[in-house]
Every structure is written in structure tokens, then in C-alpha cells.
C-alpha atoms as a PDB file:
ATOM      1  CA  MET A   1      21.865   9.109  11.490  1.00  0.00           C
ATOM      2  CA  THR A   2      18.816  11.507  10.846  1.00  0.00           C
ATOM      3  CA  ASP A   3      15.380  11.357  12.198  1.00  0.00           C
ATOM      4  CA  TRP A   4      12.309  10.802  10.332  1.00  0.00           C
ATOM      5  CA  ASP A   5      10.560  14.397  10.273  1.00  0.00           C
ATOM      6  CA  GLU A   6       7.214  15.627   8.817  1.00  0.00           C
ATOM      7  CA  GLY A   7       8.929  16.971   5.537  1.00  0.00           C
ATOM      8  CA  ALA A   8      11.284  13.539   4.820  1.00  0.00           C
ATOM      9  CA  LEU A   9       7.972  10.984   5.800  1.00  0.00           C
ATOM     10  CA  GLY A  10       5.850  13.179   2.635  1.00  0.00           C
ATOM     11  CA  ALA A  11       8.835  12.908   0.840  1.00  0.00           C
ATOM     12  CA  LEU A  12       8.688   9.478   1.311  1.00  0.00           C
ATOM     13  CA  ARG A  13       4.917   8.964   0.129  1.00  0.00           C
ATOM     14  CA  SER A  14       5.200  10.583  -2.359  1.00  0.00           C
ATOM     15  CA  ALA A  15       8.214   8.718  -3.503  1.00  0.00           C
ATOM     16  CA  ALA A  16       6.814   5.376  -2.826  1.00  0.00           C
ATOM     17  CA  SER A  17       3.391   6.299  -4.731  1.00  0.00           C
ATOM     18  CA  LEU A  18       5.285   7.355  -7.874  1.00  0.00           C
ATOM     19  CA  GLY A  19       7.828   4.416  -7.541  1.00  0.00           C
ATOM     20  CA  ARG A  20      10.345   7.407  -7.462  1.00  0.00           C
ATOM     21  CA  GLY A  21      13.231   4.899  -6.518  1.00  0.00           C
ATOM     22  CA  ALA A  22      16.070   7.015  -6.447  1.00  0.00           C
ATOM     23  CA  ALA A  23      14.680  10.072  -4.231  1.00  0.00           C
ATOM     24  CA  GLY A  24      13.464   7.080  -2.038  1.00  0.00           C
ATOM     25  CA  VAL A  25      17.059   5.716  -1.819  1.00  0.00           C
ATOM     26  CA  GLU A  26      18.663   9.254  -1.332  1.00  0.00           C
ATOM     27  CA  LEU A  27      16.108   9.381   2.136  1.00  0.00           C
ATOM     28  CA  LEU A  28      16.200   5.936   3.495  1.00  0.00           C
ATOM     29  CA  ARG A  29      19.859   5.349   3.558  1.00  0.00           C
ATOM     30  CA  VAL A  30      20.043   8.138   5.966  1.00  0.00           C
ATOM     31  CA  ARG A  31      17.720   7.628   8.082  1.00  0.00           C
ATOM     32  CA  PRO A  32      16.090   4.305  10.027  1.00  0.00           C
ATOM     33  CA  LEU A  33      14.225   1.700   8.485  1.00  0.00           C
ATOM     34  CA  GLU A  34      12.073   0.027  10.783  1.00  0.00           C
ATOM     35  CA  PRO A  35       9.721   2.641  11.654  1.00  0.00           C
ATOM     36  CA  VAL A  36       8.825   3.033   7.723  1.00  0.00           C
ATOM     37  CA  LEU A  37       9.045  -0.483   6.756  1.00  0.00           C
ATOM     38  CA  GLN A  38       5.679  -0.878   4.499  1.00  0.00           C
ATOM     39  CA  TYR A  39       7.061   2.552   2.866  1.00  0.00           C
ATOM     40  CA  ALA A  40      10.614   1.841   2.689  1.00  0.00           C
ATOM     41  CA  GLY A  41       9.654  -1.728   0.798  1.00  0.00           C
ATOM     42  CA  ASP A  42       8.023  -0.146  -1.930  1.00  0.00           C
ATOM     43  CA  VAL A  43      10.602   2.380  -2.898  1.00  0.00           C
ATOM     44  CA  LEU A  44      13.092  -0.183  -2.759  1.00  0.00           C
ATOM     45  CA  VAL A  45      11.794  -2.693  -5.104  1.00  0.00           C
ATOM     46  CA  ALA A  46      10.900   0.336  -7.163  1.00  0.00           C
ATOM     47  CA  ALA A  47      14.698   1.429  -6.865  1.00  0.00           C
ATOM     48  CA  LEU A  48      15.617  -2.335  -7.576  1.00  0.00           C
ATOM     49  CA  GLY A  49      13.689  -2.195 -10.593  1.00  0.00           C
ATOM     50  CA  GLN A  50      15.380   0.785 -11.929  1.00  0.00           C
ATOM     51  CA  ALA A  51      19.020  -0.009 -10.838  1.00  0.00           C
ATOM     52  CA  VAL A  52      19.390   2.637  -8.286  1.00  0.00           C
ATOM     53  CA  PRO A  53      23.111   2.745  -7.186  1.00  0.00           C
ATOM     54  CA  GLY A  54      23.168   1.646  -3.434  1.00  0.00           C
ATOM     55  CA  THR A  55      19.887  -0.031  -3.595  1.00  0.00           C
ATOM     56  CA  LEU A  56      20.520  -3.761  -2.316  1.00  0.00           C
ATOM     57  CA  PRO A  57      22.422  -3.227   1.216  1.00  0.00           C
ATOM     58  CA  LEU A  58      18.758  -1.692   2.036  1.00  0.00           C
ATOM     59  CA  ALA A  59      16.829  -3.875   0.373  1.00  0.00           C
ATOM     60  CA  GLU A  60      18.401  -6.889   1.927  1.00  0.00           C
ATOM     61  CA  LYS A  61      17.984  -4.546   5.505  1.00  0.00           C
ATOM     62  CA  CYS A  62      14.801  -4.266   4.774  1.00  0.00           C
ATOM     63  CA  LEU A  63      13.692  -7.463   3.598  1.00  0.00           C
ATOM     64  CA  GLN A  64      14.933  -8.698   6.861  1.00  0.00           C
ATOM     65  CA  ALA A  65      13.518  -6.301   9.211  1.00  0.00           C
ATOM     66  CA  LEU A  66      10.194  -7.380   7.348  1.00  0.00           C
ATOM     67  CA  ASN A  67      10.537 -10.988   8.317  1.00  0.00           C
ATOM     68  CA  ALA A  68      11.143 -10.319  11.830  1.00  0.00           C
ATOM     69  CA  ARG A  69       8.295  -7.755  12.383  1.00  0.00           C
ATOM     70  CA  GLY A  70       5.954  -9.942  10.942  1.00  0.00           C
ATOM     71  CA  GLU A  71       2.779  -7.631  11.271  1.00  0.00           C
ATOM     72  CA  ALA A  72       0.102  -7.904   8.563  1.00  0.00           C
ATOM     73  CA  GLY A  73       1.209  -7.064   5.307  1.00  0.00           C
ATOM     74  CA  ASP A  74       5.241  -7.849   6.005  1.00  0.00           C
ATOM     75  CA  ARG A  75       5.012 -11.656   4.481  1.00  0.00           C
ATOM     76  CA  GLU A  76       3.404 -10.134   1.073  1.00  0.00           C
ATOM     77  CA  LEU A  77       5.742  -7.321   0.537  1.00  0.00           C
ATOM     78  CA  ALA A  78       9.416  -9.296   1.746  1.00  0.00           C
ATOM     79  CA  VAL A  79       8.071 -11.808  -1.358  1.00  0.00           C
ATOM     80  CA  GLU A  80       7.552  -8.394  -3.464  1.00  0.00           C
ATOM     81  CA  LEU A  81      11.231  -7.748  -1.888  1.00  0.00           C
ATOM     82  CA  VAL A  82      12.642 -10.982  -2.376  1.00  0.00           C
ATOM     83  CA  GLN A  83      11.827 -11.090  -6.281  1.00  0.00           C
ATOM     84  CA  ALA A  84      12.688  -7.845  -6.869  1.00  0.00           C
ATOM     85  CA  LEU A  85      15.972  -8.671  -5.513  1.00  0.00           C
ATOM     86  CA  ALA A  86      15.867 -11.850  -8.048  1.00  0.00           C
ATOM     87  CA  GLY A  87      15.374  -9.429 -10.809  1.00  0.00           C
ATOM     88  CA  GLY A  88      11.770 -10.144 -11.375  1.00  0.00           C
ATOM     89  CA  HIS A  89       7.797  -9.911 -10.331  1.00  0.00           C
ATOM     90  CA  ASP A  90       6.060 -11.551  -7.439  1.00  0.00           C
ATOM     91  CA  ALA A  91       2.591 -13.862  -9.303  1.00  0.00           C
ATOM     92  CA  LEU A  92      -0.397 -11.245  -7.574  1.00  0.00           C
ATOM     93  CA  THR A  93      -1.032  -8.564 -10.536  1.00  0.00           C
ATOM     94  CA  ARG A  94      -0.124  -5.139 -10.313  1.00  0.00           C
ATOM     95  CA  VAL A  95      -2.740  -2.498  -9.823  1.00  0.00           C
ATOM     96  CA  PRO A  96      -1.388   1.379  -9.370  1.00  0.00           C
ATOM     97  CA  VAL A  97      -3.651   1.944  -6.109  1.00  0.00           C
ATOM     98  CA  ASP A  98      -2.581   4.181  -3.440  1.00  0.00           C
ATOM     99  CA  LEU A  99      -2.534   2.120  -0.175  1.00  0.00           C
ATOM    100  CA  GLY A 100      -3.277   4.957   2.482  1.00  0.00           C
ATOM    101  CA  GLU A 101      -7.037   5.669  -0.228  1.00  0.00           C
ATOM    102  CA  LEU A 102      -7.690   2.185   0.400  1.00  0.00           C
ATOM    103  CA  ALA A 103      -7.032   2.152   3.880  1.00  0.00           C
ATOM    104  CA  GLY A 104      -9.232   5.374   4.854  1.00  0.00           C
ATOM    105  CA  ALA A 105     -11.950   3.230   2.550  1.00  0.00           C
ATOM    106  CA  LEU A 106     -11.517   0.061   4.223  1.00  0.00           C
ATOM    107  CA  HIS A 107     -11.554   1.489   8.213  1.00  0.00           C
ATOM    108  CA  GLY A 108     -14.708   4.256   6.996  1.00  0.00           C
ATOM    109  CA  ARG A 109     -12.477   7.389   7.002  1.00  0.00           C
ATOM    110  CA  LEU A 110     -13.743   8.194   3.544  1.00  0.00           C
ATOM    111  CA  GLY A 111     -17.822   7.391   4.014  1.00  0.00           C
ATOM    112  CA  ASP A 112     -20.440   4.870   4.689  1.00  0.00           C
ATOM    113  CA  GLY A 113     -19.219   2.911   1.485  1.00  0.00           C
ATOM    114  CA  PRO A 114     -19.461   1.090  -0.866  1.00  0.00           C
ATOM    115  CA  PHE A 115     -16.687   1.482  -2.737  1.00  0.00           C
ATOM    116  CA  VAL A 116     -14.852   1.187  -5.492  1.00  0.00           C
ATOM    117  CA  ILE A 117     -11.087   0.330  -7.250  1.00  0.00           C
ATOM    118  CA  ASP A 118     -10.797   1.194 -10.362  1.00  0.00           C
ATOM    119  CA  LEU A 119      -8.661  -1.463 -11.485  1.00  0.00           C
ATOM    120  CA  ALA A 120      -6.831   0.397 -14.776  1.00  0.00           C
ATOM    121  CA  ARG A 121      -6.084   3.917 -13.049  1.00  0.00           C
ATOM    122  CA  GLY A 122      -5.973   2.494  -9.366  1.00  0.00           C
ATOM    123  CA  ASP A 123      -8.546   5.411  -7.577  1.00  0.00           C
ATOM    124  CA  VAL A 124     -10.844   4.265  -4.761  1.00  0.00           C
ATOM    125  CA  LEU A 125     -14.176   5.683  -5.504  1.00  0.00           C
ATOM    126  CA  PRO A 126     -17.324   5.637  -4.213  1.00  0.00           C
ATOM    127  CA  VAL A 127     -20.230   3.620  -6.041  1.00  0.00           C
ATOM    128  CA  ASP A 128     -22.172   6.964  -7.342  1.00  0.00           C
ATOM    129  CA  GLU A 129     -19.130   8.233  -8.969  1.00  0.00           C
ATOM    130  CA  ALA A 130     -17.886   5.510 -10.440  1.00  0.00           C
ATOM    131  CA  VAL A 131     -21.335   5.045 -11.760  1.00  0.00           C
ATOM    132  CA  SER A 132     -21.069   8.380 -13.287  1.00  0.00           C
ATOM    133  CA  MET A 133     -17.725   7.664 -15.190  1.00  0.00           C
ATOM    134  CA  ASP A 134     -18.603   4.453 -16.743  1.00  0.00           C
ATOM    135  CA  GLY A 135     -22.531   4.693 -16.872  1.00  0.00           C
ATOM    136  CA  THR A 136     -22.397   0.718 -15.353  1.00  0.00           C
ATOM    137  CA  SER A 137     -25.531   1.239 -13.205  1.00  0.00           C
ATOM    138  CA  ALA A 138     -24.959   0.892  -9.597  1.00  0.00           C
ATOM    139  CA  GLU A 139     -26.848  -2.336  -9.072  1.00  0.00           C
ATOM    140  CA  ALA A 140     -23.946  -3.958 -11.367  1.00  0.00           C
ATOM    141  CA  LEU A 141     -21.427  -2.012  -9.057  1.00  0.00           C
ATOM    142  CA  ALA A 142     -22.886  -2.761  -5.770  1.00  0.00           C
ATOM    143  CA  GLY A 143     -25.788  -4.289  -5.092  1.00  0.00           C
ATOM    144  CA  GLU A 144     -27.751  -4.890  -1.743  1.00  0.00           C
ATOM    145  CA  CYS A 145     -25.182  -6.374   0.885  1.00  0.00           C
ATOM    146  CA  GLY A 146     -22.041  -5.893  -1.232  1.00  0.00           C
ATOM    147  CA  GLU A 147     -23.019  -8.673  -3.980  1.00  0.00           C
ATOM    148  CA  GLN A 148     -22.333  -7.723  -7.603  1.00  0.00           C
ATOM    149  CA  GLY A 149     -24.690  -8.117 -10.171  1.00  0.00           C
ATOM    150  CA  PRO A 150     -25.368  -8.617 -13.512  1.00  0.00           C
ATOM    151  CA  GLY A 151     -22.853  -6.625 -15.851  1.00  0.00           C
ATOM    152  CA  TYR A 152     -20.132  -6.203 -13.346  1.00  0.00           C
ATOM    153  CA  ASP A 153     -16.767  -5.930 -14.928  1.00  0.00           C
ATOM    154  CA  ARG A 154     -14.279  -7.776 -12.809  1.00  0.00           C
ATOM    155  CA  GLU A 155     -11.623  -6.626 -15.168  1.00  0.00           C
ATOM    156  CA  ARG A 156     -12.058  -2.941 -14.210  1.00  0.00           C
ATOM    157  CA  TRP A 157     -13.773  -2.379 -10.934  1.00  0.00           C
ATOM    158  CA  LEU A 158     -13.551  -4.154  -7.343  1.00  0.00           C
ATOM    159  CA  THR A 159     -15.644  -3.881  -4.530  1.00  0.00           C
ATOM    160  CA  LEU A 160     -15.128  -3.003  -1.343  1.00  0.00           C
ATOM    161  CA  SER A 161     -16.985  -1.629   2.117  1.00  0.00           C
ATOM    162  CA  PRO A 162     -15.489  -0.175   5.447  1.00  0.00           C
ATOM    163  CA  GLU A 163     -16.648  -3.376   7.789  1.00  0.00           C
ATOM    164  CA  ALA A 164     -14.564  -5.616   4.789  1.00  0.00           C
ATOM    165  CA  ALA A 165     -11.162  -4.105   6.999  1.00  0.00           C
ATOM    166  CA  PRO A 166      -8.668  -6.676   8.426  1.00  0.00           C
ATOM    167  CA  ALA A 167      -9.160  -6.434  12.322  1.00  0.00           C
ATOM    168  CA  ALA A 168      -6.944  -3.981  13.757  1.00  0.00           C
ATOM    169  CA  SER A 169      -3.942  -4.884  16.207  1.00  0.00           C
ATOM    170  CA  ALA A 170      -4.373  -4.943  19.699  1.00  0.00           C
ATOM    171  CA  GLY A 171      -2.758  -1.852  20.879  1.00  0.00           C
ATOM    172  CA  PRO A 172       0.275   0.222  19.404  1.00  0.00           C
ATOM    173  CA  GLY A 173       2.605  -2.748  19.837  1.00  0.00           C
ATOM    174  CA  PRO A 174       6.372  -2.103  20.911  1.00  0.00           C
ATOM    175  CA  ALA A 175       8.572   0.954  19.635  1.00  0.00           C
ATOM    176  CA  ALA A 176      10.393   0.545  16.865  1.00  0.00           C
ATOM    177  CA  PRO A 177      14.128   0.797  16.617  1.00  0.00           C
ATOM    178  CA  GLY A 178      15.748   3.858  15.244  1.00  0.00           C
ATOM    179  CA  GLY A 179      13.351   5.890  16.596  1.00  0.00           C
ATOM    180  CA  GLU A 180       9.515   6.552  16.360  1.00  0.00           C
ATOM    181  CA  PRO A 181       8.357   9.088  13.849  1.00  0.00           C
ATOM    182  CA  PRO A 182       7.133  12.504  14.577  1.00  0.00           C
ATOM    183  CA  GLY A 183       3.120  12.535  14.968  1.00  0.00           C
ATOM    184  CA  GLY A 184       1.769   9.811  17.023  1.00  0.00           C
ATOM    185  CA  ASP A 185      -0.675   8.938  13.791  1.00  0.00           C
ATOM    186  CA  PHE A 186       2.154   7.336  11.557  1.00  0.00           C
ATOM    187  CA  ALA A 187       2.425   3.704  13.298  1.00  0.00           C
ATOM    188  CA  ARG A 188      -1.373   3.660  12.679  1.00  0.00           C
ATOM    189  CA  GLU A 189      -0.538   4.556   9.350  1.00  0.00           C
ATOM    190  CA  GLU A 190       1.885   2.051   8.997  1.00  0.00           C
ATOM    191  CA  ARG A 191       0.523  -0.859   9.880  1.00  0.00           C
ATOM    192  CA  GLU A 192      -3.558  -0.048   8.463  1.00  0.00           C
ATOM    193  CA  ARG A 193      -0.823   0.353   4.905  1.00  0.00           C
ATOM    194  CA  GLY A 194       0.535  -3.440   5.879  1.00  0.00           C
ATOM    195  CA  ARG A 195      -3.283  -4.331   6.858  1.00  0.00           C
ATOM    196  CA  ALA A 196      -4.826  -2.560   2.616  1.00  0.00           C
ATOM    197  CA  ARG A 197      -1.458  -4.481   1.117  1.00  0.00           C
ATOM    198  CA  LEU A 198      -3.017  -7.523   2.689  1.00  0.00           C
ATOM    199  CA  TRP A 199      -6.246  -6.971   1.486  1.00  0.00           C
ATOM    200  CA  LEU A 200      -5.172  -7.044  -1.790  1.00  0.00           C
ATOM    201  CA  ALA A 201      -3.354  -9.740  -1.902  1.00  0.00           C
ATOM    202  CA  ALA A 202      -6.287 -11.594  -0.701  1.00  0.00           C
ATOM    203  CA  TYR A 203      -7.740 -10.764  -4.198  1.00  0.00           C
ATOM    204  CA  GLY A 204      -4.621 -11.574  -6.017  1.00  0.00           C
ATOM    205  CA  LEU A 205      -3.642  -8.090  -6.407  1.00  0.00           C
ATOM    206  CA  SER A 206       0.112  -5.944  -5.398  1.00  0.00           C
ATOM    207  CA  PRO A 207      -0.039  -1.500  -5.205  1.00  0.00           C
ATOM    208  CA  ALA A 208       1.821  -0.214  -8.073  1.00  0.00           C
ATOM    209  CA  PRO A 209       3.196   3.199  -8.205  1.00  0.00           C
ATOM    210  CA  ARG A 210       0.907   5.518  -9.846  1.00  0.00           C
ATOM    211  CA  HIS A 211       2.036   8.349 -12.853  1.00  0.00           C
ATOM    212  CA  LEU A 212       0.058  11.021 -13.281  1.00  0.00           C
END
């Protein structure tokens, strides 16, 4: 079995973001699933919907691993996989948001915020940038203490602040079977992706592929 290197991880990120099921399955079938479950699940949900050959055993293995690991966001992704295996979708509203970008906002790496998610396009934007795009007042998008003001369009925007991030797990956790991908930051990236998924689910949302 082939290990995950930076090139393969980059290709997996792209496949998950764009919903390219066949490309993702090609990467996953010769590499361990356990270190990349949050990306693998998204790729396999897409691949099941696209009837990509060879997806079923990978999806079943991924589902088993998510249930066994049980970290933040794993249950939500497992539900998506169960529904995809049954030929359907879960009850959450799908929005084309990049979980990595959302995690960056939630954990303060994109600035102090507040931010808004454009639910139509999936962009995670500072409030001032959203105001210039939409013409909505800053007070409507995010007033004091993050409270939305009059004119806030709940169908278009979702406000967030870095302090809204779920609490980080204590320590890096046990090493994943199958070998750790290169770079110590990837385990954090995997956990933060799960926590961003969990944050979205609290609002009745789940990530969908972005189509450029």
C-alpha cells in the first residue's frame, strides 16, 4: 500500500472540494483511509452519487472507521455516508463551503472576525467584504456581540466569530493506523475539518462540493 505524500494529499483535497469522485477513489484505493477519514468520506459520498466503480467497499470501510474513531464531525459524516450508500442524502441543507476555510475562520487564522458564510456561493468572508458585495449594512450582517440586526438575510448569510469554534481536543490523540501523512499539521487539519463539519451541522447544514 502506498503512503500519503504531499502531492497525494493535495490531490485528495482538490477531489473533496470539487466533488471529483473518480479521482478520489483512485487515490484512496491504494492508500490507507484512517489518516484522511474526513476527506475520504466526502470523496466517497460524491463517488457513490456518481456510481464510480470500486466505491462501495471503500465507503463501507470508511464508515466503519468513522464510527470506531468517533471524533468531532465523524458521526455527521458517517450519517452522510449511510444515506449515500442507500442512494439518498441526509436531512441537512448542503452548502458549497470549504471546510478548511471555515476552520481557518473559526480558529482565528483568517483574522479576528466577525465573518459571514455566503450560503449561496460558499465563500467565507469578513463582514466588510460581504457588505461591499451585497450592499447590506454591516449592522444587519453582524451587529454588536455578533447579533444580527434588521435586514439580516438568513437565507443568504451565516455569521460566525473565531470564538465560536468548538473546543480543541486535548493533545494530538493516538497515531492513525496506516501511517501518518507527512507534516505534523495534517492531523490538526483533519481534526479541524471534523470540528468545522460539526459546527455547520449545528445550523442544519453540511458541506457540498464547490463548482468553479
